[in-house]
C-alpha atoms as a PDB file:
ATOM      1  CA  MET A   1      -8.182  -7.659  25.297  1.00  0.00           C
ATOM      2  CA  THR A   2      -7.020  -6.033  22.120  1.00  0.00           C
ATOM      3  CA  SER A   3      -4.547  -3.277  22.116  1.00  0.00           C
ATOM      4  CA  ILE A   4      -4.588  -0.562  19.302  1.00  0.00           C
ATOM      5  CA  ILE A   5      -1.615   0.002  17.944  1.00  0.00           C
ATOM      6  CA  GLU A   6      -1.483   4.252  17.137  1.00  0.00           C
ATOM      7  CA  PHE A   7       2.498   3.844  15.874  1.00  0.00           C
ATOM      8  CA  PRO A   8       2.864   0.676  13.874  1.00  0.00           C
ATOM      9  CA  TRP A   9       5.685   2.139  12.373  1.00  0.00           C
ATOM     10  CA  GLN A  10       7.568   1.712  15.373  1.00  0.00           C
ATOM     11  CA  GLU A  11       7.208  -2.580  15.158  1.00  0.00           C
ATOM     12  CA  GLU A  12      10.456  -4.076  14.038  1.00  0.00           C
ATOM     13  CA  ALA A  13       8.688  -5.962  11.386  1.00  0.00           C
ATOM     14  CA  ILE A  14       6.915  -2.613  10.166  1.00  0.00           C
ATOM     15  CA  ILE A  15      10.726  -0.504  10.013  1.00  0.00           C
ATOM     16  CA  ARG A  16      11.986  -3.555   7.926  1.00  0.00           C
ATOM     17  CA  HIS A  17       8.666  -3.951   5.626  1.00  0.00           C
ATOM     18  CA  SER A  18       9.160  -0.699   5.331  1.00  0.00           C
ATOM     19  CA  GLN A  19      12.520  -0.382   4.021  1.00  0.00           C
ATOM     20  CA  ARG A  20      10.869  -3.697   1.694  1.00  0.00           C
ATOM     21  CA  LEU A  21       8.843  -0.645   0.022  1.00  0.00           C
ATOM     22  CA  VAL A  22      11.266   1.886  -0.193  1.00  0.00           C
ATOM     23  CA  ASN A  23      13.813  -0.522  -1.896  1.00  0.00           C
ATOM     24  CA  SER A  24      11.738  -2.110  -3.801  1.00  0.00           C
ATOM     25  CA  PHE A  25       9.741   1.257  -5.245  1.00  0.00           C
ATOM     26  CA  GLN A  26      13.720   2.138  -6.070  1.00  0.00           C
ATOM     27  CA  HIS A  27      14.086  -0.981  -7.611  1.00  0.00           C
ATOM     28  CA  TRP A  28      11.321  -0.845 -10.162  1.00  0.00           C
ATOM     29  CA  THR A  29      10.892   2.983 -11.156  1.00  0.00           C
ATOM     30  CA  GLY A  30      14.488   4.249 -10.597  1.00  0.00           C
ATOM     31  CA  ASN A  31      12.804   6.934  -8.448  1.00  0.00           C
ATOM     32  CA  SER A  32      13.249   7.320  -4.364  1.00  0.00           C
ATOM     33  CA  LEU A  33       9.256   6.809  -2.458  1.00  0.00           C
ATOM     34  CA  LEU A  34      10.913   9.556  -0.315  1.00  0.00           C
ATOM     35  CA  ASP A  35      13.557  12.243  -0.467  1.00  0.00           C
ATOM     36  CA  VAL A  36      15.125  11.102   2.734  1.00  0.00           C
ATOM     37  CA  ASN A  37      17.991  10.206   4.505  1.00  0.00           C
ATOM     38  CA  GLY A  38      18.178   8.288   7.580  1.00  0.00           C
ATOM     39  CA  VAL A  39      18.212   5.324  10.206  1.00  0.00           C
ATOM     40  CA  PRO A  40      15.163   2.866   8.899  1.00  0.00           C
ATOM     41  CA  GLN A  41      13.114   4.212  12.137  1.00  0.00           C
ATOM     42  CA  LYS A  42      12.600   7.629  10.981  1.00  0.00           C
ATOM     43  CA  ILE A  43      12.317   6.131   7.687  1.00  0.00           C
ATOM     44  CA  ALA A  44       9.354   3.909   8.562  1.00  0.00           C
ATOM     45  CA  GLN A  45       7.801   6.905  10.705  1.00  0.00           C
ATOM     46  CA  ILE A  46       8.233   9.339   7.660  1.00  0.00           C
ATOM     47  CA  LEU A  47       6.730   6.951   5.209  1.00  0.00           C
ATOM     48  CA  PHE A  48       3.845   5.963   7.753  1.00  0.00           C
ATOM     49  CA  GLU A  49       2.975   9.780   8.430  1.00  0.00           C
ATOM     50  CA  SER A  50       3.647  11.110   4.353  1.00  0.00           C
ATOM     51  CA  ALA A  51       0.700  13.236   2.611  1.00  0.00           C
ATOM     52  CA  PHE A  52       0.452  10.203   0.221  1.00  0.00           C
ATOM     53  CA  ALA A  53      -1.341   7.068   0.092  1.00  0.00           C
ATOM     54  CA  LEU A  54       0.840   3.695   0.524  1.00  0.00           C
ATOM     55  CA  VAL A  55      -0.548  -0.112   1.060  1.00  0.00           C
ATOM     56  CA  SER A  56       0.349  -2.974   0.110  1.00  0.00           C
ATOM     57  CA  HIS A  57      -0.375  -7.116   0.136  1.00  0.00           C
ATOM     58  CA  GLY A  58       1.298 -10.152   0.886  1.00  0.00           C
ATOM     59  CA  THR A  59       1.717 -12.908  -1.320  1.00  0.00           C
ATOM     60  CA  GLU A  60      -1.486 -15.421  -0.027  1.00  0.00           C
ATOM     61  CA  SER A  61      -3.812 -16.927  -2.492  1.00  0.00           C
ATOM     62  CA  ASP A  62      -6.798 -14.185  -1.626  1.00  0.00           C
ATOM     63  CA  PRO A  63      -4.133 -11.573  -0.491  1.00  0.00           C
ATOM     64  CA  ILE A  64      -4.197  -9.479   2.899  1.00  0.00           C
ATOM     65  CA  PHE A  65      -3.234  -6.059   3.268  1.00  0.00           C
ATOM     66  CA  ASN A  66      -0.203  -5.902   5.231  1.00  0.00           C
ATOM     67  CA  TYR A  67       0.741  -2.562   5.394  1.00  0.00           C
ATOM     68  CA  GLY A  68      -1.186   1.043   5.416  1.00  0.00           C
ATOM     69  CA  ASN A  69       0.165   4.208   6.328  1.00  0.00           C
ATOM     70  CA  ARG A  70      -1.711   7.103   8.228  1.00  0.00           C
ATOM     71  CA  LYS A  71      -3.598   8.584   5.044  1.00  0.00           C
ATOM     72  CA  ALA A  72      -4.207   5.232   3.554  1.00  0.00           C
ATOM     73  CA  LEU A  73      -5.903   4.414   6.878  1.00  0.00           C
ATOM     74  CA  GLU A  74      -8.005   7.782   6.864  1.00  0.00           C
ATOM     75  CA  LEU A  75      -9.368   7.128   3.495  1.00  0.00           C
ATOM     76  CA  TRP A  76     -10.498   3.757   4.244  1.00  0.00           C
ATOM     77  CA  GLN A  77     -11.708   4.749   7.425  1.00  0.00           C
ATOM     78  CA  LEU A  78      -9.967   1.521   9.268  1.00  0.00           C
ATOM     79  CA  SER A  79      -7.749   1.425  12.491  1.00  0.00           C
ATOM     80  CA  TRP A  80      -3.895  -0.141  11.201  1.00  0.00           C
ATOM     81  CA  GLU A  81      -5.536  -3.654  12.760  1.00  0.00           C
ATOM     82  CA  GLU A  82      -8.655  -3.747  10.801  1.00  0.00           C
ATOM     83  CA  PHE A  83      -6.858  -2.856   7.738  1.00  0.00           C
ATOM     84  CA  THR A  84      -3.870  -5.397   8.050  1.00  0.00           C
ATOM     85  CA  ARG A  85      -6.928  -8.266   8.216  1.00  0.00           C
ATOM     86  CA  MET A  86      -8.705  -6.804   5.067  1.00  0.00           C
ATOM     87  CA  PRO A  87      -7.969  -9.055   2.038  1.00  0.00           C
ATOM     88  CA  SER A  88      -6.975  -6.425  -0.847  1.00  0.00           C
ATOM     89  CA  ARG A  89      -9.297  -7.296  -2.963  1.00  0.00           C
ATOM     90  CA  LYS A  90     -12.546  -5.850  -0.580  1.00  0.00           C
ATOM     91  CA  SER A  91     -10.370  -1.971  -1.033  1.00  0.00           C
ATOM     92  CA  ALA A  92     -12.067  -2.027  -4.483  1.00  0.00           C
ATOM     93  CA  GLU A  93     -15.678  -2.214  -5.577  1.00  0.00           C
ATOM     94  CA  GLU A  94     -16.981  -5.701  -6.676  1.00  0.00           C
ATOM     95  CA  VAL A  95     -17.503  -4.655 -10.627  1.00  0.00           C
ATOM     96  CA  LEU A  96     -14.170  -3.401 -10.902  1.00  0.00           C
ATOM     97  CA  GLN A  97     -12.489  -6.940  -9.376  1.00  0.00           C
ATOM     98  CA  GLU A  98     -11.468  -8.080 -12.917  1.00  0.00           C
ATOM     99  CA  GLU A  99      -9.930  -5.084 -14.097  1.00  0.00           C
ATOM    100  CA  ARG A 100      -7.839  -4.839 -10.969  1.00  0.00           C
ATOM    101  CA  ASP A 101      -7.082  -8.460 -10.788  1.00  0.00           C
ATOM    102  CA  ARG A 102      -5.611  -7.679 -14.395  1.00  0.00           C
ATOM    103  CA  LEU A 103      -3.240  -4.560 -13.286  1.00  0.00           C
ATOM    104  CA  LEU A 104      -2.098  -6.572 -10.213  1.00  0.00           C
ATOM    105  CA  SER A 105      -0.790  -9.127 -12.879  1.00  0.00           C
ATOM    106  CA  GLU A 106      -0.073  -7.008 -15.091  1.00  0.00           C
ATOM    107  CA  ALA A 107       2.465  -5.232 -12.099  1.00  0.00           C
ATOM    108  CA  ALA A 108       3.630  -8.552 -11.318  1.00  0.00           C
ATOM    109  CA  THR A 109       4.378  -9.340 -14.464  1.00  0.00           C
ATOM    110  CA  LYS A 110       6.736  -6.276 -15.298  1.00  0.00           C
ATOM    111  CA  GLY A 111       7.801  -5.079 -11.342  1.00  0.00           C
ATOM    112  CA  PHE A 112       5.791  -2.135 -12.047  1.00  0.00           C
ATOM    113  CA  ILE A 113       2.775   0.230 -13.437  1.00  0.00           C
ATOM    114  CA  LYS A 114       2.016   3.817 -12.981  1.00  0.00           C
ATOM    115  CA  ASN A 115      -0.599   5.717 -14.078  1.00  0.00           C
ATOM    116  CA  TYR A 116      -3.435   3.536 -12.543  1.00  0.00           C
ATOM    117  CA  SER A 117      -6.773   4.914 -12.042  1.00  0.00           C
ATOM    118  CA  GLY A 118     -10.070   3.439 -10.256  1.00  0.00           C
ATOM    119  CA  ILE A 119     -12.811   3.708  -7.414  1.00  0.00           C
ATOM    120  CA  ARG A 120     -12.192   2.720  -4.366  1.00  0.00           C
ATOM    121  CA  THR A 121     -14.234   2.162  -1.277  1.00  0.00           C
ATOM    122  CA  SER A 122     -13.812   3.061   2.084  1.00  0.00           C
ATOM    123  CA  SER A 123     -15.304   0.463   4.943  1.00  0.00           C
ATOM    124  CA  THR A 124     -18.207   3.215   5.231  1.00  0.00           C
ATOM    125  CA  GLY A 125     -19.353   3.010   1.942  1.00  0.00           C
ATOM    126  CA  LYS A 126     -17.771   6.239   0.726  1.00  0.00           C
ATOM    127  CA  ARG A 127     -16.116   6.033  -2.673  1.00  0.00           C
ATOM    128  CA  PHE A 128     -13.138   7.866  -3.645  1.00  0.00           C
ATOM    129  CA  TYR A 129     -11.295   8.043  -6.954  1.00  0.00           C
ATOM    130  CA  ILE A 130      -7.496   7.146  -7.116  1.00  0.00           C
ATOM    131  CA  GLU A 131      -5.314   8.308  -9.668  1.00  0.00           C
ATOM    132  CA  ASP A 132      -1.573   8.115 -10.930  1.00  0.00           C
ATOM    133  CA  THR A 133      -1.228   5.400  -9.092  1.00  0.00           C
ATOM    134  CA  ILE A 134       1.745   3.145  -9.240  1.00  0.00           C
ATOM    135  CA  LEU A 135       1.915  -0.122  -8.348  1.00  0.00           C
ATOM    136  CA  TRP A 136       5.095  -2.591  -8.060  1.00  0.00           C
ATOM    137  CA  ASN A 137       5.867  -5.839  -6.581  1.00  0.00           C
ATOM    138  CA  VAL A 138       7.991  -5.370  -2.868  1.00  0.00           C
ATOM    139  CA  LEU A 139      11.304  -7.718  -3.048  1.00  0.00           C
ATOM    140  CA  ASP A 140      12.363  -9.125   0.404  1.00  0.00           C
ATOM    141  CA  GLU A 141      16.074  -8.799   1.467  1.00  0.00           C
ATOM    142  CA  GLN A 142      16.894 -11.931  -1.324  1.00  0.00           C
ATOM    143  CA  ASN A 143      15.134 -10.235  -3.978  1.00  0.00           C
ATOM    144  CA  GLN A 144      11.998 -12.581  -3.770  1.00  0.00           C
ATOM    145  CA  GLN A 145       8.270 -11.182  -4.544  1.00  0.00           C
ATOM    146  CA  CYS A 146       7.146 -10.987  -1.065  1.00  0.00           C
ATOM    147  CA  GLY A 147       3.987  -8.861  -1.788  1.00  0.00           C
ATOM    148  CA  GLN A 148       2.486  -5.575  -3.939  1.00  0.00           C
ATOM    149  CA  ALA A 149       2.596  -2.264  -3.059  1.00  0.00           C
ATOM    150  CA  ALA A 150       0.287   1.177  -4.353  1.00  0.00           C
ATOM    151  CA  PHE A 151       1.303   4.477  -3.795  1.00  0.00           C
ATOM    152  CA  PHE A 152      -0.894   7.743  -4.832  1.00  0.00           C
ATOM    153  CA  SER A 153      -1.376  10.774  -3.983  1.00  0.00           C
ATOM    154  CA  ASN A 154      -4.422  12.336  -6.050  1.00  0.00           C
ATOM    155  CA  TRP A 155      -7.742  10.959  -5.086  1.00  0.00           C
ATOM    156  CA  LYS A 156     -11.091  12.727  -5.065  1.00  0.00           C
ATOM    157  CA  PHE A 157     -14.546  11.388  -3.059  1.00  0.00           C
ATOM    158  CA  ILE A 158     -17.452  10.773  -5.236  1.00  0.00           C
ATOM    159  CA  VAL A 159     -20.761  12.119  -3.979  1.00  0.00           C
END
């Protein structure tokens, strides 16, 4: 029997990953992802519950999402378990894959890019337009790239 993870931000691995997301964003952009201080678990909770969307994937040859905060899970209409098993390429329409791949490559080379816009598709086929997105490389505790993340707070559904 599979249990549903209601509060992934309470897991040690996600608390550590949340720190990586926050620290990497600061490293590349010089800005804070969150305007809070506190213990890592509290930061992980605030990040997960934030009104903006935040996602990340690993470094696999076909990267799999390893994080999506509550807003991202709502937009993609997926549970934590479903989202963190999905290849990140499936979040964009197939015709837009080449542009998405180019931008991810540019972010990998430069460390981050900003002002990205594009169309994403939920698990039920709902399309939404994201804008002013920031993509950045996620660094581990040894400053080695361990993935990429995206943050956006502007989206609109396409009818």
